[in-house]
Structure formats: C-alpha cells, structure tokens
C-alpha cells in the first residue's frame, strides 16, 4: 500500500515538474555599431518558453534587417 501511495505521489510530482507553464521572460538585446554597444530589455510577460524564444529571435532578426550594426538577443 505504501508503495502505491509513493508511486502515485512521484507520478503527480513529475507531472507538475514537467508541465509547460507560462512565465515572465526578458529578452535582452545588445546592439553594436562602430564599437559602441547599447543594451535594451524587452519584457515578455505570461509566455511559454518556446513563444518567448520565438519573440526574442524576431527582435534580433528585425534589428539586424536594418543593416546598421549587429544585434544579438537572448532570454
């Protein structure tokens, strides 16, 4: 009986631990032009990790499409 309770508890804990929950993320972008760097932070509230990563990648892509300087973004 104790083994069943332990197994059920372990299963429930693993479901909670590995479930995909929404969090607040910050995408930090650093732009370098002629050796001068500037960092901007973009808040991404209530996002799944994959959605926040996609948004951050879009920030980087959009910034680099301007042709001036280089921008690198990360969560």
PDB file of N, CA and C in Angstrom:
ATOM      1  N   UNK A   1       0.822  -1.195   0.000  1.00  0.00           N
ATOM      2  CA  UNK A   1       0.000   0.000   0.000  1.00  0.00           C
ATOM      3  C   UNK A   1       0.865   1.258   0.000  1.00  0.00           C
ATOM      4  N   UNK A   2       1.927   1.243   0.827  1.00  0.00           N
ATOM      5  CA  UNK A   2       2.811   2.406   0.873  1.00  0.00           C
ATOM      6  C   UNK A   2       3.487   2.623  -0.475  1.00  0.00           C
ATOM      7  N   UNK A   3       3.822   1.527  -1.156  1.00  0.00           N
ATOM      8  CA  UNK A   3       4.471   1.642  -2.458  1.00  0.00           C
ATOM      9  C   UNK A   3       3.539   2.302  -3.470  1.00  0.00           C
ATOM     10  N   UNK A   4       2.250   1.959  -3.432  1.00  0.00           N
ATOM     11  CA  UNK A   4       1.286   2.572  -4.355  1.00  0.00           C
ATOM     12  C   UNK A   4       1.157   4.066  -4.087  1.00  0.00           C
ATOM     13  N   UNK A   5       1.083   4.439  -2.829  1.00  0.00           N
ATOM     14  CA  UNK A   5       0.977   5.860  -2.472  1.00  0.00           C
ATOM     15  C   UNK A   5       2.247   6.595  -2.905  1.00  0.00           C
ATOM     16  N   UNK A   6       3.400   5.996  -2.655  1.00  0.00           N
ATOM     17  CA  UNK A   6       4.667   6.604  -3.058  1.00  0.00           C
ATOM     18  C   UNK A   6       4.731   6.753  -4.577  1.00  0.00           C
ATOM     19  N   UNK A   7       4.338   5.715  -5.307  1.00  0.00           N
ATOM     20  CA  UNK A   7       4.369   5.761  -6.770  1.00  0.00           C
ATOM     21  C   UNK A   7       3.427   6.823  -7.310  1.00  0.00           C
ATOM     22  N   UNK A   8       2.241   6.901  -6.746  1.00  0.00           N
ATOM     23  CA  UNK A   8       1.269   7.902  -7.181  1.00  0.00           C
ATOM     24  C   UNK A   8       1.768   9.308  -6.882  1.00  0.00           C
ATOM     25  N   UNK A   9       2.367   9.486  -5.728  1.00  0.00           N
ATOM     26  CA  UNK A   9       2.916  10.797  -5.365  1.00  0.00           C
ATOM     27  C   UNK A   9       4.054  11.189  -6.299  1.00  0.00           C
ATOM     28  N   UNK A  10       4.917  10.253  -6.606  1.00  0.00           N
ATOM     29  CA  UNK A  10       6.031  10.512  -7.514  1.00  0.00           C
ATOM     30  C   UNK A  10       5.521  10.864  -8.911  1.00  0.00           C
ATOM     31  N   UNK A  11       4.524  10.166  -9.378  1.00  0.00           N
ATOM     32  CA  UNK A  11       3.924  10.456 -10.681  1.00  0.00           C
ATOM     33  C   UNK A  11       3.324  11.856 -10.696  1.00  0.00           C
ATOM     34  N   UNK A  12       2.571  12.209  -9.669  1.00  0.00           N
ATOM     35  CA  UNK A  12       1.947  13.534  -9.600  1.00  0.00           C
ATOM     36  C   UNK A  12       3.004  14.633  -9.567  1.00  0.00           C
ATOM     37  N   UNK A  13       4.060  14.423  -8.826  1.00  0.00           N
ATOM     38  CA  UNK A  13       5.140  15.402  -8.753  1.00  0.00           C
ATOM     39  C   UNK A  13       5.824  15.570 -10.105  1.00  0.00           C
ATOM     40  N   UNK A  14       6.047  14.481 -10.811  1.00  0.00           N
ATOM     41  CA  UNK A  14       6.705  14.573 -12.117  1.00  0.00           C
ATOM     42  C   UNK A  14       5.815  15.271 -13.142  1.00  0.00           C
ATOM     43  N   UNK A  15       4.519  15.082 -13.072  1.00  0.00           N
ATOM     44  CA  UNK A  15       3.598  15.780 -13.975  1.00  0.00           C
ATOM     45  C   UNK A  15       3.674  17.282 -13.739  1.00  0.00           C
ATOM     46  N   UNK A  16       3.680  17.690 -12.499  1.00  0.00           N
ATOM     47  CA  UNK A  16       3.768  19.113 -12.163  1.00  0.00           C
ATOM     48  C   UNK A  16       5.125  19.672 -12.579  1.00  0.00           C
ATOM     49  N   UNK A  17       6.180  18.929 -12.337  1.00  0.00           N
ATOM     50  CA  UNK A  17       7.535  19.411 -12.627  1.00  0.00           C
ATOM     51  C   UNK A  17       7.786  19.573 -14.121  1.00  0.00           C
ATOM     52  N   UNK A  18       7.218  18.710 -14.930  1.00  0.00           N
ATOM     53  CA  UNK A  18       7.486  18.748 -16.365  1.00  0.00           C
ATOM     54  C   UNK A  18       6.362  19.381 -17.175  1.00  0.00           C
ATOM     55  N   UNK A  19       5.374  19.934 -16.526  1.00  0.00           N
ATOM     56  CA  UNK A  19       4.300  20.575 -17.266  1.00  0.00           C
ATOM     57  C   UNK A  19       4.785  21.908 -17.810  1.00  0.00           C
ATOM     58  N   UNK A  20       4.204  22.301 -18.908  1.00  0.00           N
ATOM     59  CA  UNK A  20       4.593  23.548 -19.553  1.00  0.00           C
ATOM     60  C   UNK A  20       3.790  24.682 -18.947  1.00  0.00           C
ATOM     61  N   UNK A  21       4.461  25.527 -18.193  1.00  0.00           N
ATOM     62  CA  UNK A  21       3.762  26.636 -17.562  1.00  0.00           C
ATOM     63  C   UNK A  21       4.230  27.948 -18.173  1.00  0.00           C
ATOM     64  N   UNK A  22       3.416  28.953 -18.016  1.00  0.00           N
ATOM     65  CA  UNK A  22       3.746  30.272 -18.536  1.00  0.00           C
ATOM     66  C   UNK A  22       4.503  31.058 -17.480  1.00  0.00           C
ATOM     67  N   UNK A  23       5.478  31.812 -17.940  1.00  0.00           N
ATOM     68  CA  UNK A  23       6.300  32.624 -17.053  1.00  0.00           C
ATOM     69  C   UNK A  23       6.532  33.980 -17.702  1.00  0.00           C
ATOM     70  N   UNK A  24       7.127  34.868 -16.936  1.00  0.00           N
ATOM     71  CA  UNK A  24       7.555  36.151 -17.470  1.00  0.00           C
ATOM     72  C   UNK A  24       9.014  36.014 -17.886  1.00  0.00           C
ATOM     73  N   UNK A  25       9.318  36.415 -19.103  1.00  0.00           N
ATOM     74  CA  UNK A  25      10.680  36.360 -19.613  1.00  0.00           C
ATOM     75  C   UNK A  25      11.133  37.760 -19.996  1.00  0.00           C
ATOM     76  N   UNK A  26      12.442  37.943 -20.080  1.00  0.00           N
ATOM     77  CA  UNK A  26      13.021  39.195 -20.550  1.00  0.00           C
ATOM     78  C   UNK A  26      13.994  38.864 -21.669  1.00  0.00           C
ATOM     79  N   UNK A  27      13.777  39.482 -22.813  1.00  0.00           N
ATOM     80  CA  UNK A  27      14.673  39.334 -23.947  1.00  0.00           C
ATOM     81  C   UNK A  27      15.644  40.508 -23.909  1.00  0.00           C
ATOM     82  N   UNK A  28      16.921  40.210 -23.768  1.00  0.00           N
ATOM     83  CA  UNK A  28      17.949  41.245 -23.692  1.00  0.00           C
ATOM     84  C   UNK A  28      18.687  41.299 -25.022  1.00  0.00           C
ATOM     85  N   UNK A  29      18.661  42.473 -25.650  1.00  0.00           N
ATOM     86  CA  UNK A  29      19.299  42.660 -26.949  1.00  0.00           C
ATOM     87  C   UNK A  29      20.433  43.671 -26.835  1.00  0.00           C
ATOM     88  N   UNK A  30      21.579  43.306 -27.363  1.00  0.00           N
ATOM     89  CA  UNK A  30      22.736  44.197 -27.384  1.00  0.00           C
ATOM     90  C   UNK A  30      23.056  44.528 -28.833  1.00  0.00           C
ATOM     91  N   UNK A  31      23.035  45.819 -29.149  1.00  0.00           N
ATOM     92  CA  UNK A  31      23.346  46.299 -30.494  1.00  0.00           C
ATOM     93  C   UNK A  31      24.701  46.987 -30.464  1.00  0.00           C
ATOM     94  N   UNK A  32      25.554  46.618 -31.408  1.00  0.00           N
ATOM     95  CA  UNK A  32      26.885  47.213 -31.507  1.00  0.00           C
ATOM     96  C   UNK A  32      27.024  47.906 -32.855  1.00  0.00           C
ATOM     97  N   UNK A  33      27.337  49.199 -32.802  1.00  0.00           N
ATOM     98  CA  UNK A  33      27.561  49.999 -34.003  1.00  0.00           C
ATOM     99  C   UNK A  33      28.883  50.736 -33.815  1.00  0.00           C
ATOM    100  N   UNK A  34      29.808  50.521 -34.724  1.00  0.00           N
ATOM    101  CA  UNK A  34      31.113  51.191 -34.701  1.00  0.00           C
ATOM    102  C   UNK A  34      31.796  51.062 -33.339  1.00  0.00           C
ATOM    103  N   UNK A  35      31.710  49.881 -32.738  1.00  0.00           N
ATOM    104  CA  UNK A  35      32.378  49.633 -31.467  1.00  0.00           C
ATOM    105  C   UNK A  35      31.640  50.117 -30.234  1.00  0.00           C
ATOM    106  N   UNK A  36      30.493  50.757 -30.420  1.00  0.00           N
ATOM    107  CA  UNK A  36      29.695  51.245 -29.291  1.00  0.00           C
ATOM    108  C   UNK A  36      28.495  50.317 -29.117  1.00  0.00           C
ATOM    109  N   UNK A  37      28.308  49.820 -27.897  1.00  0.00           N
ATOM    110  CA  UNK A  37      27.215  48.880 -27.617  1.00  0.00           C
ATOM    111  C   UNK A  37      26.123  49.530 -26.787  1.00  0.00           C
ATOM    112  N   UNK A  38      24.893  49.123 -27.081  1.00  0.00           N
ATOM    113  CA  UNK A  38      23.736  49.565 -26.304  1.00  0.00           C
ATOM    114  C   UNK A  38      22.871  48.334 -26.048  1.00  0.00           C
ATOM    115  N   UNK A  39      22.389  48.204 -24.824  1.00  0.00           N
ATOM    116  CA  UNK A  39      21.571  47.057 -24.446  1.00  0.00           C
ATOM    117  C   UNK A  39      20.152  47.508 -24.137  1.00  0.00           C
ATOM    118  N   UNK A  40      19.189  46.772 -24.692  1.00  0.00           N
ATOM    119  CA  UNK A  40      17.768  47.018 -24.438  1.00  0.00           C
ATOM    120  C   UNK A  40      17.139  45.739 -23.902  1.00  0.00           C
ATOM    121  N   UNK A  41      16.182  45.895 -23.012  1.00  0.00           N
ATOM    122  CA  UNK A  41      15.449  44.751 -22.463  1.00  0.00           C
ATOM    123  C   UNK A  41      13.995  44.837 -22.899  1.00  0.00           C
ATOM    124  N   UNK A  42      13.477  43.724 -23.385  1.00  0.00           N
ATOM    125  CA  UNK A  42      12.080  43.631 -23.808  1.00  0.00           C
ATOM    126  C   UNK A  42      11.380  42.637 -22.887  1.00  0.00           C
ATOM    127  N   UNK A  43      10.364  43.089 -22.173  1.00  0.00           N
ATOM    128  CA  UNK A  43       9.606  42.205 -21.284  1.00  0.00           C
ATOM    129  C   UNK A  43       8.631  41.367 -22.099  1.00  0.00           C
ATOM    130  N   UNK A  44       8.567  40.090 -21.789  1.00  0.00           N
ATOM    131  CA  UNK A  44       7.655  39.151 -22.443  1.00  0.00           C
ATOM    132  C   UNK A  44       6.852  38.449 -21.352  1.00  0.00           C
ATOM    133  N   UNK A  45       5.769  39.078 -20.892  1.00  0.00           N
ATOM    134  CA  UNK A  45       5.011  38.514 -19.770  1.00  0.00           C
ATOM    135  C   UNK A  45       4.116  37.346 -20.174  1.00  0.00           C
ATOM    136  N   UNK A  46       3.949  36.410 -19.249  1.00  0.00           N
ATOM    137  CA  UNK A  46       2.990  35.313 -19.374  1.00  0.00           C
ATOM    138  C   UNK A  46       3.162  34.526 -20.679  1.00  0.00           C
ATOM    139  N   UNK A  47       4.375  34.035 -20.910  1.00  0.00           N
ATOM    140  CA  UNK A  47       4.706  33.324 -22.146  1.00  0.00           C
ATOM    141  C   UNK A  47       5.188  31.911 -21.846  1.00  0.00           C
ATOM    142  N   UNK A  48       4.933  31.000 -22.763  1.00  0.00           N
ATOM    143  CA  UNK A  48       5.611  29.710 -22.738  1.00  0.00           C
ATOM    144  C   UNK A  48       7.032  29.968 -23.221  1.00  0.00           C
ATOM    145  N   UNK A  49       7.979  29.123 -22.817  1.00  0.00           N
ATOM    146  CA  UNK A  49       9.374  29.336 -23.193  1.00  0.00           C
ATOM    147  C   UNK A  49       9.533  29.418 -24.714  1.00  0.00           C
ATOM    148  N   UNK A  50       8.910  28.501 -25.438  1.00  0.00           N
ATOM    149  CA  UNK A  50       9.075  28.469 -26.899  1.00  0.00           C
ATOM    150  C   UNK A  50       8.542  29.740 -27.552  1.00  0.00           C
ATOM    151  N   UNK A  51       7.433  30.280 -27.039  1.00  0.00           N
ATOM    152  CA  UNK A  51       6.880  31.525 -27.585  1.00  0.00           C
ATOM    153  C   UNK A  51       7.798  32.705 -27.276  1.00  0.00           C
ATOM    154  N   UNK A  52       8.338  32.741 -26.074  1.00  0.00           N
ATOM    155  CA  UNK A  52       9.260  33.820 -25.693  1.00  0.00           C
ATOM    156  C   UNK A  52      10.530  33.744 -26.527  1.00  0.00           C
ATOM    157  N   UNK A  53      11.035  32.540 -26.754  1.00  0.00           N
ATOM    158  CA  UNK A  53      12.239  32.362 -27.572  1.00  0.00           C
ATOM    159  C   UNK A  53      11.988  32.831 -28.999  1.00  0.00           C
ATOM    160  N   UNK A  54      10.832  32.502 -29.556  1.00  0.00           N
ATOM    161  CA  UNK A  54      10.490  32.941 -30.913  1.00  0.00           C
ATOM    162  C   UNK A  54      10.403  34.457 -30.996  1.00  0.00           C
ATOM    163  N   UNK A  55       9.784  35.073 -30.000  1.00  0.00           N
ATOM    164  CA  UNK A  55       9.665  36.535 -29.983  1.00  0.00           C
ATOM    165  C   UNK A  55      11.042  37.179 -29.885  1.00  0.00           C
ATOM    166  N   UNK A  56      11.901  36.628 -29.055  1.00  0.00           N
ATOM    167  CA  UNK A  56      13.252  37.165 -28.889  1.00  0.00           C
ATOM    168  C   UNK A  56      14.046  37.013 -30.194  1.00  0.00           C
ATOM    169  N   UNK A  57      13.892  35.886 -30.857  1.00  0.00           N
ATOM    170  CA  UNK A  57      14.554  35.677 -32.147  1.00  0.00           C
ATOM    171  C   UNK A  57      14.054  36.680 -33.185  1.00  0.00           C
ATOM    172  N   UNK A  58      12.756  37.009 -33.142  1.00  0.00           N
ATOM    173  CA  UNK A  58      12.201  38.013 -34.066  1.00  0.00           C
ATOM    174  C   UNK A  58      12.778  39.395 -33.783  1.00  0.00           C
ATOM    175  N   UNK A  59      12.939  39.748 -32.482  1.00  0.00           N
ATOM    176  CA  UNK A  59      13.565  41.033 -32.145  1.00  0.00           C
ATOM    177  C   UNK A  59      14.946  41.114 -32.791  1.00  0.00           C
ATOM    178  N   UNK A  60      15.724  40.045 -32.671  1.00  0.00           N
ATOM    179  CA  UNK A  60      17.075  40.026 -33.230  1.00  0.00           C
ATOM    180  C   UNK A  60      17.044  40.126 -34.750  1.00  0.00           C
ATOM    181  N   UNK A  61      16.173  39.345 -35.370  1.00  0.00           N
ATOM    182  CA  UNK A  61      16.069  39.353 -36.824  1.00  0.00           C
ATOM    183  C   UNK A  61      15.648  40.722 -37.350  1.00  0.00           C
ATOM    184  N   UNK A  62      14.634  41.310 -36.725  1.00  0.00           N
ATOM    185  CA  UNK A  62      14.155  42.630 -37.156  1.00  0.00           C
ATOM    186  C   UNK A  62      15.237  43.690 -36.992  1.00  0.00           C
ATOM    187  N   UNK A  63      15.973  43.637 -35.902  1.00  0.00           N
ATOM    188  CA  UNK A  63      17.025  44.629 -35.651  1.00  0.00           C
ATOM    189  C   UNK A  63      18.165  44.483 -36.658  1.00  0.00           C
ATOM    190  N   UNK A  64      18.476  43.257 -37.040  1.00  0.00           N
ATOM    191  CA  UNK A  64      19.574  43.032 -37.980  1.00  0.00           C
ATOM    192  C   UNK A  64      19.181  43.301 -39.425  1.00  0.00           C
ATOM    193  N   UNK A  65      17.893  43.406 -39.722  1.00  0.00           N
ATOM    194  CA  UNK A  65      17.443  43.706 -41.076  1.00  0.00           C
ATOM    195  C   UNK A  65      17.700  45.156 -41.459  1.00  0.00           C
ATOM    196  N   UNK A  66      17.972  46.017 -40.488  1.00  0.00           N
ATOM    197  CA  UNK A  66      18.237  47.428 -40.766  1.00  0.00           C
ATOM    198  C   UNK A  66      19.570  47.658 -41.447  1.00  0.00           C
ATOM    199  N   UNK A  67      20.508  46.733 -41.304  1.00  0.00           N
ATOM    200  CA  UNK A  67      21.788  46.835 -41.976  1.00  0.00           C
ATOM    201  C   UNK A  67      22.840  47.649 -41.251  1.00  0.00           C
ATOM    202  N   UNK A  68      22.483  48.323 -40.159  1.00  0.00           N
ATOM    203  CA  UNK A  68      23.456  49.125 -39.420  1.00  0.00           C
ATOM    204  C   UNK A  68      23.784  48.403 -38.119  1.00  0.00           C
ATOM    205  N   UNK A  69      25.032  48.023 -37.961  1.00  0.00           N
ATOM    206  CA  UNK A  69      25.449  47.370 -36.727  1.00  0.00           C
ATOM    207  C   UNK A  69      25.000  45.925 -36.648  1.00  0.00           C
ATOM    208  N   UNK A  70      25.280  45.337 -35.503  1.00  0.00           N
ATOM    209  CA  UNK A  70      24.936  43.942 -35.244  1.00  0.00           C
ATOM    210  C   UNK A  70      24.176  43.860 -33.929  1.00  0.00           C
ATOM    211  N   UNK A  71      23.093  43.089 -33.938  1.00  0.00           N
ATOM    212  CA  UNK A  71      22.290  42.908 -32.727  1.00  0.00           C
ATOM    213  C   UNK A  71      22.252  41.434 -32.355  1.00  0.00           C
ATOM    214  N   UNK A  72      22.473  41.154 -31.080  1.00  0.00           N
ATOM    215  CA  UNK A  72      22.355  39.803 -30.528  1.00  0.00           C
ATOM    216  C   UNK A  72      21.360  39.846 -29.380  1.00  0.00           C
ATOM    217  N   UNK A  73      20.382  38.939 -29.417  1.00  0.00           N
ATOM    218  CA  UNK A  73      19.349  38.885 -28.374  1.00  0.00           C
ATOM    219  C   UNK A  73      19.341  37.501 -27.724  1.00  0.00           C
ATOM    220  N   UNK A  74      19.013  37.479 -26.434  1.00  0.00           N
ATOM    221  CA  UNK A  74      18.876  36.216 -25.706  1.00  0.00           C
ATOM    222  C   UNK A  74      17.900  36.399 -24.546  1.00  0.00           C
ATOM    223  N   UNK A  75      17.313  35.277 -24.139  1.00  0.00           N
ATOM    224  CA  UNK A  75      16.392  35.304 -22.998  1.00  0.00           C
ATOM    225  C   UNK A  75      17.182  35.335 -21.721  1.00  0.00           C
TER     226      UNK A  75
END
